[in-house]
Amino acid sequence: MEAGTVLALGREMLLMTLYLSVPIMVVGMAIGLIISIFQAMTQIQEQTLTFVPKIIGILVAILLLLPWSLQLMVDYTQRLIEQMPGFVN
């Protein structure tokens, strides 16, 4: 396998990881920002207040995005398996 092929596969893998993780991270960051603004307005400085809403929001995001992310992973895996015979030469 050539170096260019390995780099292309690595790039595609990293992009796939970003596509799958960014929406969930955005949900966590948005919830964290909202909670931080709420804490600043009310001057409640409870550290555990941020964790429960973030966990619930991230779990909901994962459940809602699961069909899309699963389809994305299946398509990537199928493309990779179809390309494998070309990697041997």
N, C-alpha and C. Protein backbone atom coordinates (compact mmCIF):
# COMPACT_ATOMS: atom_id res chain seq x y z
N MET A 1 0.85 -1.16 0.00
CA MET A 1 0.00 0.00 0.00
C MET A 1 0.90 1.24 0.00
N GLU A 2 0.54 2.21 -0.78
CA GLU A 2 1.34 3.42 -0.92
C GLU A 2 1.07 4.39 0.22
N ALA A 3 2.00 5.30 0.42
CA ALA A 3 1.87 6.29 1.50
C ALA A 3 0.66 7.20 1.27
N GLY A 4 0.40 7.54 0.02
CA GLY A 4 -0.75 8.40 -0.29
C GLY A 4 -2.07 7.74 0.06
N THR A 5 -2.14 6.44 -0.17
CA THR A 5 -3.35 5.70 0.17
C THR A 5 -3.57 5.66 1.67
N VAL A 6 -2.49 5.44 2.40
CA VAL A 6 -2.58 5.40 3.86
C VAL A 6 -3.00 6.76 4.40
N LEU A 7 -2.43 7.82 3.85
CA LEU A 7 -2.80 9.17 4.28
C LEU A 7 -4.26 9.48 3.95
N ALA A 8 -4.73 9.05 2.79
CA ALA A 8 -6.12 9.28 2.42
C ALA A 8 -7.07 8.52 3.35
N LEU A 9 -6.72 7.28 3.68
CA LEU A 9 -7.55 6.51 4.61
C LEU A 9 -7.56 7.14 6.00
N GLY A 10 -6.41 7.59 6.45
CA GLY A 10 -6.34 8.25 7.76
C GLY A 10 -7.13 9.54 7.79
N ARG A 11 -7.05 10.31 6.71
CA ARG A 11 -7.82 11.55 6.62
C ARG A 11 -9.31 11.28 6.64
N GLU A 12 -9.73 10.29 5.87
CA GLU A 12 -11.16 9.94 5.83
C GLU A 12 -11.64 9.44 7.19
N MET A 13 -10.79 8.69 7.89
CA MET A 13 -11.15 8.20 9.22
C MET A 13 -11.31 9.35 10.21
N LEU A 14 -10.38 10.31 10.16
CA LEU A 14 -10.47 11.45 11.07
C LEU A 14 -11.68 12.33 10.77
N LEU A 15 -11.99 12.51 9.49
CA LEU A 15 -13.19 13.26 9.13
C LEU A 15 -14.46 12.55 9.62
N MET A 16 -14.48 11.23 9.51
CA MET A 16 -15.63 10.46 9.99
C MET A 16 -15.79 10.65 11.50
N THR A 17 -14.67 10.63 12.22
CA THR A 17 -14.70 10.84 13.67
C THR A 17 -15.25 12.23 13.99
N LEU A 18 -14.84 13.24 13.24
CA LEU A 18 -15.36 14.58 13.46
C LEU A 18 -16.85 14.67 13.16
N TYR A 19 -17.27 14.09 12.05
CA TYR A 19 -18.70 14.11 11.69
C TYR A 19 -19.55 13.49 12.79
N LEU A 20 -19.05 12.44 13.41
CA LEU A 20 -19.82 11.74 14.43
C LEU A 20 -19.79 12.44 15.79
N SER A 21 -18.70 13.12 16.11
CA SER A 21 -18.56 13.67 17.45
C SER A 21 -18.95 15.13 17.58
N VAL A 22 -18.83 15.92 16.53
CA VAL A 22 -19.08 17.36 16.64
C VAL A 22 -20.52 17.69 17.05
N PRO A 23 -21.56 17.07 16.47
CA PRO A 23 -22.91 17.43 16.92
C PRO A 23 -23.15 17.18 18.41
N ILE A 24 -22.58 16.11 18.93
CA ILE A 24 -22.77 15.79 20.35
C ILE A 24 -21.99 16.79 21.21
N MET A 25 -20.80 17.17 20.77
CA MET A 25 -20.02 18.15 21.53
C MET A 25 -20.69 19.52 21.51
N VAL A 26 -21.31 19.88 20.40
CA VAL A 26 -22.00 21.16 20.31
C VAL A 26 -23.17 21.20 21.28
N VAL A 27 -23.90 20.10 21.40
CA VAL A 27 -25.01 20.03 22.35
C VAL A 27 -24.48 20.21 23.77
N GLY A 28 -23.41 19.54 24.11
CA GLY A 28 -22.82 19.66 25.44
C GLY A 28 -22.34 21.08 25.73
N MET A 29 -21.70 21.70 24.73
CA MET A 29 -21.23 23.07 24.92
C MET A 29 -22.38 24.05 25.05
N ALA A 30 -23.45 23.87 24.27
CA ALA A 30 -24.59 24.78 24.35
C ALA A 30 -25.27 24.67 25.71
N ILE A 31 -25.45 23.46 26.18
CA ILE A 31 -26.06 23.27 27.50
C ILE A 31 -25.15 23.86 28.58
N GLY A 32 -23.86 23.65 28.48
CA GLY A 32 -22.92 24.23 29.44
C GLY A 32 -22.97 25.75 29.45
N LEU A 33 -23.08 26.36 28.27
CA LEU A 33 -23.17 27.81 28.18
C LEU A 33 -24.44 28.33 28.83
N ILE A 34 -25.55 27.66 28.55
CA ILE A 34 -26.84 28.07 29.14
C ILE A 34 -26.78 27.96 30.66
N ILE A 35 -26.24 26.86 31.16
CA ILE A 35 -26.14 26.67 32.61
C ILE A 35 -25.20 27.71 33.23
N SER A 36 -24.10 28.02 32.55
CA SER A 36 -23.16 29.03 33.06
C SER A 36 -23.80 30.40 33.14
N ILE A 37 -24.58 30.76 32.12
CA ILE A 37 -25.29 32.04 32.16
C ILE A 37 -26.30 32.05 33.31
N PHE A 38 -27.01 30.95 33.49
CA PHE A 38 -27.97 30.83 34.59
C PHE A 38 -27.26 30.96 35.94
N GLN A 39 -26.11 30.32 36.09
CA GLN A 39 -25.36 30.40 37.34
C GLN A 39 -24.84 31.81 37.58
N ALA A 40 -24.41 32.49 36.54
CA ALA A 40 -23.91 33.85 36.70
C ALA A 40 -25.04 34.80 37.08
N MET A 41 -26.23 34.58 36.53
CA MET A 41 -27.37 35.45 36.84
C MET A 41 -27.88 35.23 38.26
N THR A 42 -27.91 34.00 38.69
CA THR A 42 -28.47 33.69 40.01
C THR A 42 -27.40 33.58 41.10
N GLN A 43 -26.14 33.60 40.73
CA GLN A 43 -25.00 33.46 41.64
C GLN A 43 -25.04 32.13 42.41
N ILE A 44 -25.62 31.12 41.79
CA ILE A 44 -25.57 29.77 42.34
C ILE A 44 -24.29 29.14 41.81
N GLN A 45 -23.38 28.77 42.68
CA GLN A 45 -22.10 28.23 42.24
C GLN A 45 -21.97 26.75 42.59
N GLU A 46 -23.00 26.00 42.35
CA GLU A 46 -22.99 24.57 42.60
C GLU A 46 -22.34 23.85 41.41
N GLN A 47 -21.26 23.12 41.65
CA GLN A 47 -20.53 22.46 40.58
C GLN A 47 -21.32 21.32 39.95
N THR A 48 -22.11 20.63 40.75
CA THR A 48 -22.84 19.48 40.22
C THR A 48 -24.03 19.89 39.38
N LEU A 49 -24.42 21.16 39.41
CA LEU A 49 -25.56 21.63 38.64
C LEU A 49 -25.33 21.48 37.14
N THR A 50 -24.10 21.55 36.69
CA THR A 50 -23.82 21.48 35.26
C THR A 50 -23.84 20.06 34.72
N PHE A 51 -23.53 19.08 35.55
CA PHE A 51 -23.35 17.72 35.05
C PHE A 51 -24.65 17.04 34.66
N VAL A 52 -25.68 17.13 35.47
CA VAL A 52 -26.92 16.41 35.19
C VAL A 52 -27.58 16.88 33.89
N PRO A 53 -27.76 18.19 33.68
CA PRO A 53 -28.35 18.61 32.39
C PRO A 53 -27.48 18.24 31.18
N LYS A 54 -26.15 18.32 31.33
CA LYS A 54 -25.27 17.94 30.22
C LYS A 54 -25.41 16.46 29.90
N ILE A 55 -25.43 15.63 30.91
CA ILE A 55 -25.56 14.19 30.69
C ILE A 55 -26.89 13.87 30.01
N ILE A 56 -27.96 14.48 30.50
CA ILE A 56 -29.28 14.23 29.90
C ILE A 56 -29.31 14.74 28.46
N GLY A 57 -28.79 15.94 28.22
CA GLY A 57 -28.79 16.50 26.87
C GLY A 57 -27.96 15.68 25.91
N ILE A 58 -26.80 15.23 26.35
CA ILE A 58 -25.94 14.43 25.49
C ILE A 58 -26.57 13.07 25.20
N LEU A 59 -27.20 12.47 26.19
CA LEU A 59 -27.89 11.20 25.95
C LEU A 59 -29.03 11.36 24.95
N VAL A 60 -29.79 12.44 25.07
CA VAL A 60 -30.88 12.70 24.12
C VAL A 60 -30.31 12.92 22.72
N ALA A 61 -29.21 13.69 22.63
CA ALA A 61 -28.58 13.93 21.33
C ALA A 61 -28.08 12.63 20.71
N ILE A 62 -27.48 11.77 21.52
CA ILE A 62 -27.00 10.49 21.01
C ILE A 62 -28.16 9.65 20.50
N LEU A 63 -29.25 9.61 21.25
CA LEU A 63 -30.41 8.82 20.82
C LEU A 63 -31.03 9.37 19.54
N LEU A 64 -31.09 10.70 19.42
CA LEU A 64 -31.67 11.29 18.22
C LEU A 64 -30.76 11.14 17.00
N LEU A 65 -29.45 11.19 17.22
CA LEU A 65 -28.50 11.10 16.11
C LEU A 65 -28.06 9.67 15.80
N LEU A 66 -28.52 8.71 16.58
CA LEU A 66 -28.09 7.33 16.40
C LEU A 66 -28.37 6.77 15.00
N PRO A 67 -29.57 6.95 14.44
CA PRO A 67 -29.79 6.40 13.08
C PRO A 67 -28.86 7.02 12.04
N TRP A 68 -28.66 8.33 12.12
CA TRP A 68 -27.77 9.01 11.17
C TRP A 68 -26.33 8.54 11.33
N SER A 69 -25.85 8.48 12.56
CA SER A 69 -24.46 8.09 12.77
C SER A 69 -24.24 6.62 12.42
N LEU A 70 -25.21 5.78 12.69
CA LEU A 70 -25.09 4.37 12.33
C LEU A 70 -25.03 4.21 10.81
N GLN A 71 -25.86 4.95 10.09
CA GLN A 71 -25.85 4.88 8.63
C GLN A 71 -24.53 5.40 8.08
N LEU A 72 -23.99 6.45 8.69
CA LEU A 72 -22.71 6.99 8.26
C LEU A 72 -21.59 5.97 8.46
N MET A 73 -21.59 5.28 9.59
CA MET A 73 -20.57 4.27 9.86
C MET A 73 -20.71 3.05 8.95
N VAL A 74 -21.94 2.64 8.66
CA VAL A 74 -22.16 1.51 7.77
C VAL A 74 -21.68 1.85 6.36
N ASP A 75 -22.01 3.05 5.88
CA ASP A 75 -21.54 3.46 4.55
C ASP A 75 -20.03 3.51 4.47
N TYR A 76 -19.39 4.05 5.50
CA TYR A 76 -17.93 4.11 5.53
C TYR A 76 -17.32 2.71 5.52
N THR A 77 -17.88 1.81 6.32
CA THR A 77 -17.36 0.45 6.38
C THR A 77 -17.55 -0.27 5.06
N GLN A 78 -18.69 -0.10 4.42
CA GLN A 78 -18.93 -0.73 3.12
C GLN A 78 -17.94 -0.21 2.08
N ARG A 79 -17.70 1.11 2.07
CA ARG A 79 -16.73 1.68 1.13
C ARG A 79 -15.34 1.12 1.38
N LEU A 80 -14.98 0.99 2.64
CA LEU A 80 -13.66 0.47 2.99
C LEU A 80 -13.51 -0.98 2.57
N ILE A 81 -14.53 -1.79 2.78
CA ILE A 81 -14.48 -3.21 2.39
C ILE A 81 -14.44 -3.35 0.88
N GLU A 82 -15.17 -2.49 0.16
CA GLU A 82 -15.14 -2.54 -1.30
C GLU A 82 -13.77 -2.15 -1.85
N GLN A 83 -13.05 -1.28 -1.15
CA GLN A 83 -11.75 -0.82 -1.62
C GLN A 83 -10.61 -1.76 -1.23
N MET A 84 -10.84 -2.70 -0.33
CA MET A 84 -9.78 -3.57 0.16
C MET A 84 -9.05 -4.35 -0.93
N PRO A 85 -9.71 -4.91 -1.94
CA PRO A 85 -8.94 -5.62 -2.97
C PRO A 85 -7.93 -4.73 -3.68
N GLY A 86 -8.22 -3.46 -3.81
CA GLY A 86 -7.27 -2.54 -4.45
C GLY A 86 -6.07 -2.22 -3.57
N PHE A 87 -6.20 -2.41 -2.26
CA PHE A 87 -5.10 -2.12 -1.34
C PHE A 87 -4.01 -3.19 -1.41
N VAL A 88 -4.36 -4.39 -1.83
CA VAL A 88 -3.42 -5.51 -1.83
C VAL A 88 -2.35 -5.31 -2.91
N ASN A 89 -2.74 -4.80 -4.04
CA ASN A 89 -1.79 -4.65 -5.16
C ASN A 89 -0.76 -3.62 -4.89
